[in-house]
Amino acid sequence: MPPHLSPTRTTAALRTSARISVDLLLVLVMTAVALWIVGRMWSVVWPLVVALLLTTLTWPIAAFLRRRGWAPALAASVVTVLFLLVAAGIAALIAVPVASQSGQLTDGVVDGIQKVREWASGPPLNIGDDQITGAFDTAVARIQDSLGSAVTTVVTGVSTVFNGVVTAVLALFLMFFFLKDGPRFLPWLKGQLPGRLSVDVPVVMARSWDTLGSFVRSQAFVGLLDAVFIGLGLWIVGVPLVLPLAVLTFVSAFVPIVGALFAGFVAVLIALVSNGLTDALIVLAIIVAVQQLEGNVFQPMIQSRGLGLHAAVVLLAVTLGGSLAGVVGSLLAVPVAALIAVFWNYLREQLADPSPEPEAQPAAPS
């Protein structure tokens, strides 16, 4: 006969489950409230986040200058100006080649559409010109009908660009102040917090800063390697816009997994439009080979101490971040996951039982 359930143990288990459920519910409610507050303050939070990411990327240069005896304000000013010059140079490297080769790309797109039309009119599809023309007319009619929404979209786009400019300006000012006064922040914070918080919060923030800096700098170096190797391959194949595509590869490296797929898709598409199917397949093979080299060689070497996140966790974090907040969510997903891991590891350290003292071994008889 199966053993009878103990009423006492069953009641205790139910009470424990109920208590844990209530605790988890409170944690979820507090998390939702915190996210709601962050959303309401996003116009301030987003420039702050961008400034922190830029500061982790540029801090080694500022720290080097400060060790050489430069005043904090002077070092921060020089690094900020250098960053602006580099950003302007990158923008020029993208805009000038694209503008100079825009006509060639337009002709390639037209030729590609014509090839697709010829292919569709032949076997096995056998789509006639009348059907293609009818589909084209329908598409034009829909565009005309949606003219009002198109105007709304343009207005929204102008507003987005304006907000982006404001965010960039605020982020630059904040980056300057972080570079100038950053080392004084934790000592000041320690003096403002009471009791145990004056110890725990600075430790967690220091570890978070180290983790964030490791992530940004390692991603920048990996992105640079990807840009060099993929750009070299595109140049050998003869694909146009090699320099803008290499810069896009570097920038996309800051969005793990998704960024590499996007940059690769753009490179293959331009190769297909400008050079044909054979070169597009060659470019695809080059990108896959470089990405495999990055995942199996570059990142394990560069991120030897890493973030402590499994590849599956990274993929899920990027997917969840993208579904919740689009491109911004994809960009911040991995750093946020890494910071959560830092907090969780510190919490485990504080809640873990102290390791028992090793027992003294009796002396061997002489």
Foldseek 3Di string as FASTA:
>chain_A
DDDDDDPVVVVVVVVVVVVVVVVVVVVVVVVVVVVVVCVVVVLPVVLVVLLLLVLLQQLVQLVVVVVVVDALLVSLVVSLVVVVVVVVVLVCLQPVQCVVCVVLLVVLVVVVVVVVVVVCCDPPNVDDPVNVVVVVVVVVVVCVVCVVVVVVVVVVVVVVVVSVVVSVVSSSVVNSCCSRCVVVVLVVVLVVDDDPCSPPVSVLVVVLSVQSSLLSNLLLVLLLQLLVQLLVQCVVLPQGPSRNLSSQSNVLSLLPPVSLVVSLVVSLVSCCSNPNDVSSVSSNVSSVVSVVCCVPPSCCVSQVVHLPDDPVQLVVQLVVLCVVPNPVRSNCRVSVVSSVVSVVVVVCVVPDDDDDDDDDDDDDDD
